[in-house]
Amino acid sequence: MKTLLLAQKDGIARAVELLAEGVPVALPTETVYGLAAHALDPVACARIFEAKERPLSDPLIVHIPSLDWLPRIAFPSALALALAERFWPGPLTLVVPRRAAIPDIVTAGQETVAVRMSGHPVFQEVVQAFGQPLAAPSANRFGRISPTTAAHVLSELGGRIPLVLDGGSCAHGIESTIVSVLENHLRILRQGPVTAEDLSAFAPVSYGPAGVLAPGGMASHYAPRTPLVIDAVPAPRGPRTGLLAWSAGGEGFAVTEFLSRSGDLREAAANLYGAMRRLDEARLDVILAEPVPEIGIGAAIMERLRKAAAR
């Protein structure tokens, strides 16, 4: 299969055509690039799992065209609706009880569904033109580094999907925050751009799976092929050692990638996956990752690094 790379002007109509045929296409979101297919078509969703080599035990996030779709596919509480009205469109995924319209393959057989509404203008234009929800996990091979540019998608899924719609670099650079909306509090299942501090204005916040299987929730994820080790005081471990540096240092390493020379955690999040990918492509023996402060979005960065380091 030949994979076409098209710009927004030329690609939106073609993307909608392919989605209507039940074929997955790669689309930009404000977090990372997603591999999208018709969320209410189980065969189309199965093609996502096939292209990514993703286990069927890992559920998908459903991206809706507009807020009025939420009660059509789920049973949102007043708290869930308040969060949606505040943070959508944007990088927050809500885990809520599902309706029967959602196929089992999307939820990994669970009675909840993960839902969000993307704020990326290209994704919004496609999903609104398509007029149906889209299931869209990250557009990469399962467990690998998530793509934040169209070129990253081609390196991961070229020859496996027919189209990548180029929308430039992703603004946030890490996946959405996933929150299980419970009766009287919120449980963060995956940290992301919407922080615990943001959410605590709505309800008490806790952490952990609480029996809900969340997308990207496996212990090893977002990983380079090169072994990655988190090291607070990194020193070269041979001539082919790379460094993923927080904001300074890097002497004596074969390759150094800086997350943010100014110490900006938002910039670090946006740079994380691109920097990891460049280090992974440098034919190193090991990558040492310097930890970042675990405040705000820094907690989400560290969550990704710990998963990348897990073997």
Protein backbone atom coordinates (compact mmCIF):
# COMPACT_ATOMS: atom_id res chain seq x y z
CA MET A 1 0.00 0.00 0.00
CA LYS A 2 1.26 3.47 -0.88
CA THR A 3 0.79 6.08 1.83
CA LEU A 4 -0.04 9.56 0.56
CA LEU A 5 1.00 12.68 2.49
CA LEU A 6 -1.42 15.50 1.76
CA ALA A 7 -1.77 19.04 3.04
CA GLN A 8 -5.01 20.31 4.55
CA LYS A 9 -6.26 21.94 1.34
CA ASP A 10 -5.98 18.76 -0.71
CA GLY A 11 -6.44 16.11 1.94
CA ILE A 12 -9.62 16.79 3.91
CA ALA A 13 -12.07 15.63 1.25
CA ARG A 14 -10.00 12.51 0.58
CA ALA A 15 -9.77 11.77 4.32
CA VAL A 16 -13.56 11.95 4.65
CA GLU A 17 -13.97 9.62 1.64
CA LEU A 18 -11.64 7.02 3.13
CA LEU A 19 -13.30 7.23 6.55
CA ALA A 20 -16.67 6.62 4.88
CA GLU A 21 -15.16 3.50 3.28
CA GLY A 22 -14.13 2.21 6.71
CA VAL A 23 -10.44 2.88 6.15
CA PRO A 24 -8.22 4.48 8.86
CA VAL A 25 -6.36 7.71 8.11
CA ALA A 26 -3.81 9.66 10.14
CA LEU A 27 -4.92 13.10 11.34
CA PRO A 28 -3.27 15.81 13.44
CA THR A 29 -4.64 16.69 16.86
CA GLU A 30 -3.41 19.28 19.34
CA THR A 31 -1.78 16.48 21.38
CA VAL A 32 -0.25 13.93 18.94
CA TYR A 33 -1.19 12.59 15.51
CA GLY A 34 -4.04 10.08 15.65
CA LEU A 35 -4.99 7.10 13.49
CA ALA A 36 -8.70 7.72 12.94
CA ALA A 37 -11.56 5.46 11.86
CA HIS A 38 -15.34 5.46 12.17
CA ALA A 39 -15.87 4.83 15.90
CA LEU A 40 -19.30 3.22 15.44
CA ASP A 41 -18.04 0.73 12.81
CA PRO A 42 -16.33 -2.26 14.50
CA VAL A 43 -14.67 -3.42 11.27
CA ALA A 44 -13.16 0.03 10.68
CA CYS A 45 -11.90 0.07 14.28
CA ALA A 46 -10.41 -3.40 13.83
CA ARG A 47 -8.30 -1.94 11.02
CA ILE A 48 -6.79 0.52 13.53
CA PHE A 49 -5.66 -2.38 15.72
CA GLU A 50 -4.26 -4.18 12.68
CA ALA A 51 -2.27 -1.20 11.37
CA LYS A 52 -0.82 -0.38 14.80
CA GLU A 53 -0.34 -4.01 15.91
CA ARG A 54 -2.25 -2.93 18.99
CA PRO A 55 -3.64 -5.53 21.40
CA LEU A 56 -7.42 -5.69 21.57
CA SER A 57 -7.18 -5.30 25.35
CA ASP A 58 -6.15 -1.63 24.92
CA PRO A 59 -9.29 0.54 24.46
CA LEU A 60 -9.59 3.46 22.05
CA ILE A 61 -10.54 7.10 22.62
CA VAL A 62 -13.64 8.29 20.78
CA HIS A 63 -13.40 11.82 19.35
CA ILE A 64 -16.76 13.49 18.84
CA PRO A 65 -17.69 16.22 16.33
CA SER A 66 -19.59 18.36 18.86
CA LEU A 67 -20.69 18.38 22.48
CA ASP A 68 -24.20 17.20 21.64
CA TRP A 69 -22.71 13.83 20.65
CA LEU A 70 -21.66 13.05 24.22
CA PRO A 71 -25.13 11.99 25.49
CA ARG A 72 -25.67 10.08 22.23
CA ILE A 73 -22.80 7.67 22.92
CA ALA A 74 -22.52 7.84 26.73
CA PHE A 75 -24.35 8.62 29.97
CA PRO A 76 -22.55 11.77 31.19
CA SER A 77 -23.14 13.02 34.73
CA ALA A 78 -23.53 16.69 35.59
CA LEU A 79 -19.85 16.68 36.58
CA ALA A 80 -18.81 15.20 33.23
CA LEU A 81 -20.85 17.80 31.36
CA ALA A 82 -19.30 20.61 33.40
CA LEU A 83 -15.81 19.36 32.53
CA ALA A 84 -16.71 19.03 28.85
CA GLU A 85 -18.09 22.56 28.74
CA ARG A 86 -14.94 23.92 30.37
CA PHE A 87 -12.18 21.96 28.62
CA TRP A 88 -13.61 20.96 25.21
CA PRO A 89 -12.47 21.22 22.56
CA GLY A 90 -9.14 20.39 24.13
CA PRO A 91 -6.77 17.76 25.54
CA LEU A 92 -9.05 16.18 28.17
CA THR A 93 -10.54 12.67 27.79
CA LEU A 94 -13.49 11.71 29.99
CA VAL A 95 -14.19 8.07 30.91
CA VAL A 96 -17.94 7.72 31.37
CA PRO A 97 -20.58 4.96 31.13
CA ARG A 98 -21.13 3.94 27.51
CA ARG A 99 -24.26 3.51 25.43
CA ALA A 100 -24.87 0.45 23.25
CA ALA A 101 -23.94 2.40 20.11
CA ILE A 102 -20.25 2.05 21.00
CA PRO A 103 -18.79 -1.25 19.74
CA ASP A 104 -17.14 -3.57 22.26
CA ILE A 105 -13.87 -3.43 20.30
CA VAL A 106 -13.60 0.29 21.13
CA THR A 107 -13.94 -0.18 24.89
CA ALA A 108 -12.11 -3.52 25.22
CA GLY A 109 -15.41 -4.94 26.46
CA GLN A 110 -15.77 -2.48 29.32
CA GLU A 111 -18.96 -0.65 30.27
CA THR A 112 -17.21 2.72 30.02
CA VAL A 113 -15.99 4.70 27.03
CA ALA A 114 -13.20 7.29 26.78
CA VAL A 115 -14.40 10.42 24.96
CA ARG A 116 -12.90 13.74 23.97
CA MET A 117 -13.30 16.55 21.43
CA SER A 118 -10.12 17.65 19.69
CA GLY A 119 -9.28 21.32 19.40
CA HIS A 120 -7.09 20.96 16.28
CA PRO A 121 -8.72 22.84 13.38
CA VAL A 122 -7.80 20.16 10.81
CA PHE A 123 -9.17 17.33 12.94
CA GLN A 124 -12.30 19.37 13.67
CA GLU A 125 -12.87 20.03 9.99
CA VAL A 126 -12.55 16.34 9.12
CA VAL A 127 -14.72 14.98 11.95
CA GLN A 128 -17.42 17.59 11.34
CA ALA A 129 -17.44 16.90 7.61
CA PHE A 130 -17.62 13.17 8.35
CA GLY A 131 -20.43 13.78 10.81
CA GLN A 132 -19.71 10.76 13.03
CA PRO A 133 -17.40 10.08 16.01
CA LEU A 134 -13.88 8.94 15.23
CA ALA A 135 -11.81 6.47 17.23
CA ALA A 136 -8.24 7.76 17.10
CA PRO A 137 -5.32 6.40 19.13
CA SER A 138 -1.82 7.70 18.39
CA ALA A 139 -0.67 7.03 14.82
CA ASN A 140 2.33 4.81 15.60
CA ARG A 141 3.17 1.15 16.10
CA PHE A 142 1.88 -0.03 19.46
CA GLY A 143 4.07 0.90 22.42
CA ARG A 144 6.38 3.13 20.40
CA ILE A 145 7.02 6.87 20.57
CA SER A 146 3.91 8.86 19.68
CA PRO A 147 4.15 10.99 16.51
CA THR A 148 4.02 14.77 16.69
CA THR A 149 4.63 15.47 12.97
CA ALA A 150 3.38 13.91 9.75
CA ALA A 151 6.92 12.67 9.04
CA HIS A 152 6.86 10.70 12.30
CA VAL A 153 3.64 9.01 11.19
CA LEU A 154 5.18 8.03 7.85
CA SER A 155 8.17 6.48 9.61
CA GLU A 156 5.81 4.41 11.78
CA LEU A 157 2.90 3.52 9.50
CA GLY A 158 4.10 4.19 5.96
CA GLY A 159 2.79 1.41 3.72
CA ARG A 160 0.18 0.39 6.30
CA ILE A 161 -2.38 3.19 5.84
CA PRO A 162 -3.43 5.11 2.73
CA LEU A 163 -3.26 8.71 3.94
CA VAL A 164 -1.51 11.05 6.37
CA LEU A 165 -3.06 14.50 6.56
CA ASP A 166 -0.32 17.01 7.38
CA GLY A 167 -1.35 19.63 9.93
CA GLY A 168 2.11 20.66 11.09
CA SER A 169 3.61 20.01 14.52
CA CYS A 170 1.31 19.22 17.44
CA ALA A 171 1.00 22.03 19.96
CA HIS A 172 1.00 20.05 23.22
CA GLY A 173 3.20 17.15 22.11
CA ILE A 174 1.89 14.61 24.66
CA GLU A 175 -1.39 12.73 24.83
CA SER A 176 -4.55 14.03 26.48
CA THR A 177 -5.24 13.78 30.18
CA ILE A 178 -7.60 10.85 30.87
CA VAL A 179 -10.02 11.20 33.79
CA SER A 180 -12.52 8.69 35.10
CA VAL A 181 -15.57 10.70 36.18
CA LEU A 182 -16.89 9.10 39.35
CA GLU A 183 -19.90 10.01 41.49
CA ASN A 184 -18.23 12.63 43.63
CA HIS A 185 -14.61 12.83 42.50
CA LEU A 186 -12.23 12.53 39.55
CA ARG A 187 -9.61 9.82 39.12
CA ILE A 188 -6.72 10.62 36.78
CA LEU A 189 -5.86 7.55 34.71
CA ARG A 190 -3.27 9.27 32.52
CA GLN A 191 -1.67 12.64 33.18
CA GLY A 192 -1.51 15.21 30.40
CA PRO A 193 -1.89 18.88 29.45
CA VAL A 194 -4.93 19.38 31.68
CA THR A 195 -3.39 19.09 35.13
CA ALA A 196 -4.63 17.95 38.52
CA GLU A 197 -4.61 21.59 39.57
CA ASP A 198 -6.96 22.43 36.69
CA LEU A 199 -9.33 19.59 37.57
CA SER A 200 -9.40 20.16 41.32
CA ALA A 201 -11.57 23.24 40.80
CA PHE A 202 -14.41 20.85 39.85
CA ALA A 203 -14.05 17.94 42.29
CA PRO A 204 -11.51 16.16 44.50
CA VAL A 205 -8.81 14.41 42.44
CA SER A 206 -7.11 11.05 42.96
CA TYR A 207 -4.89 8.80 40.83
CA GLY A 208 -4.93 5.20 39.68
CA PRO A 209 -6.78 2.75 37.43
CA ALA A 210 -9.60 1.88 39.90
CA GLY A 211 -10.58 -1.12 37.77
CA VAL A 212 -10.85 0.93 34.55
CA LEU A 213 -8.57 0.03 31.65
CA ALA A 214 -7.47 3.30 30.05
CA PRO A 215 -5.90 3.88 26.64
CA GLY A 216 -2.13 3.92 26.97
CA GLY A 217 -2.39 2.46 30.46
CA MET A 218 0.03 -0.43 30.08
CA ALA A 219 3.24 -0.39 32.11
CA SER A 220 5.57 -0.12 29.09
CA HIS A 221 4.53 2.47 26.52
CA TYR A 222 5.76 5.46 24.47
CA ALA A 223 9.11 3.63 24.25
CA PRO A 224 12.11 4.02 21.95
CA ARG A 225 13.83 0.89 20.66
CA THR A 226 17.03 2.08 22.35
CA PRO A 227 17.04 1.35 26.11
CA LEU A 228 16.10 4.45 28.09
CA VAL A 229 17.15 5.01 31.70
CA ILE A 230 16.01 7.87 33.95
CA ASP A 231 19.08 9.29 35.71
CA ALA A 232 19.01 12.35 37.99
CA VAL A 233 22.80 12.86 37.63
CA PRO A 234 23.51 11.53 34.13
CA ALA A 235 27.06 10.65 33.12
CA PRO A 236 28.09 8.93 29.86
CA ARG A 237 27.99 5.12 29.96
CA GLY A 238 30.28 4.60 27.00
CA PRO A 239 30.90 6.38 23.69
CA ARG A 240 27.38 5.75 22.34
CA THR A 241 25.38 7.27 25.19
CA GLY A 242 22.70 9.83 24.42
CA LEU A 243 21.17 12.37 26.79
CA LEU A 244 17.62 13.63 26.97
CA ALA A 245 18.40 16.76 28.96
CA TRP A 246 15.92 18.86 30.88
CA SER A 247 17.48 22.29 30.35
CA ALA A 248 21.28 22.22 30.64
CA GLY A 249 24.35 19.96 30.61
CA GLY A 250 25.23 17.38 27.99
CA GLU A 251 29.03 17.35 28.10
CA GLY A 252 30.63 14.10 26.94
CA PHE A 253 27.52 12.55 25.39
CA ALA A 254 27.40 11.32 21.80
CA VAL A 255 24.09 13.12 21.22
CA THR A 256 22.17 15.50 23.47
CA GLU A 257 18.59 16.66 23.01
CA PHE A 258 17.29 19.48 25.21
CA LEU A 259 13.64 19.54 26.24
CA SER A 260 13.71 23.25 27.09
CA ARG A 261 16.81 25.38 27.49
CA SER A 262 14.67 28.00 29.23
CA GLY A 263 13.22 25.50 31.72
CA ASP A 264 9.67 25.81 30.34
CA LEU A 265 7.67 22.65 31.10
CA ARG A 266 5.09 23.32 28.37
CA GLU A 267 7.90 23.63 25.83
CA ALA A 268 9.45 20.45 27.24
CA ALA A 269 6.19 18.54 26.76
CA ALA A 270 5.88 19.75 23.17
CA ASN A 271 9.48 18.66 22.46
CA LEU A 272 9.44 15.34 24.33
CA TYR A 273 8.52 12.82 21.64
CA GLY A 274 10.46 14.50 18.84
CA ALA A 275 13.60 14.56 20.99
CA MET A 276 13.13 10.92 22.02
CA ARG A 277 12.66 9.91 18.38
CA ARG A 278 15.84 11.70 17.22
CA LEU A 279 17.84 10.01 19.97
CA ASP A 280 16.32 6.66 19.05
CA GLU A 281 17.40 7.15 15.43
CA ALA A 282 21.00 8.02 16.40
CA ARG A 283 22.09 4.35 16.81
CA LEU A 284 22.99 4.75 20.47
CA ASP A 285 23.58 2.03 23.04
CA VAL A 286 21.55 3.76 25.74
CA ILE A 287 19.60 6.97 26.31
CA LEU A 288 19.80 8.67 29.70
CA ALA A 289 16.84 10.87 30.54
CA GLU A 290 17.18 13.66 33.07
CA PRO A 291 14.00 14.02 35.20
CA VAL A 292 11.99 17.21 35.06
CA PRO A 293 10.20 18.88 37.99
CA GLU A 294 6.95 17.03 38.72
CA ILE A 295 4.78 20.12 38.91
CA GLY A 296 1.94 20.91 36.54
CA ILE A 297 2.52 19.25 33.17
CA GLY A 298 5.92 18.05 34.43
CA ALA A 299 4.06 15.19 36.15
CA ALA A 300 2.74 14.07 32.75
CA ILE A 301 6.22 14.23 31.22
CA MET A 302 7.62 12.04 34.00
CA GLU A 303 4.74 9.57 33.59
CA ARG A 304 5.71 9.19 29.90
CA LEU A 305 9.41 8.81 30.74
CA ARG A 306 8.74 6.09 33.33
CA LYS A 307 6.66 4.15 30.82
CA ALA A 308 9.36 4.61 28.16
CA ALA A 309 11.95 3.26 30.60
CA ALA A 310 9.87 0.22 31.62
CA ARG A 311 10.97 -3.07 30.04
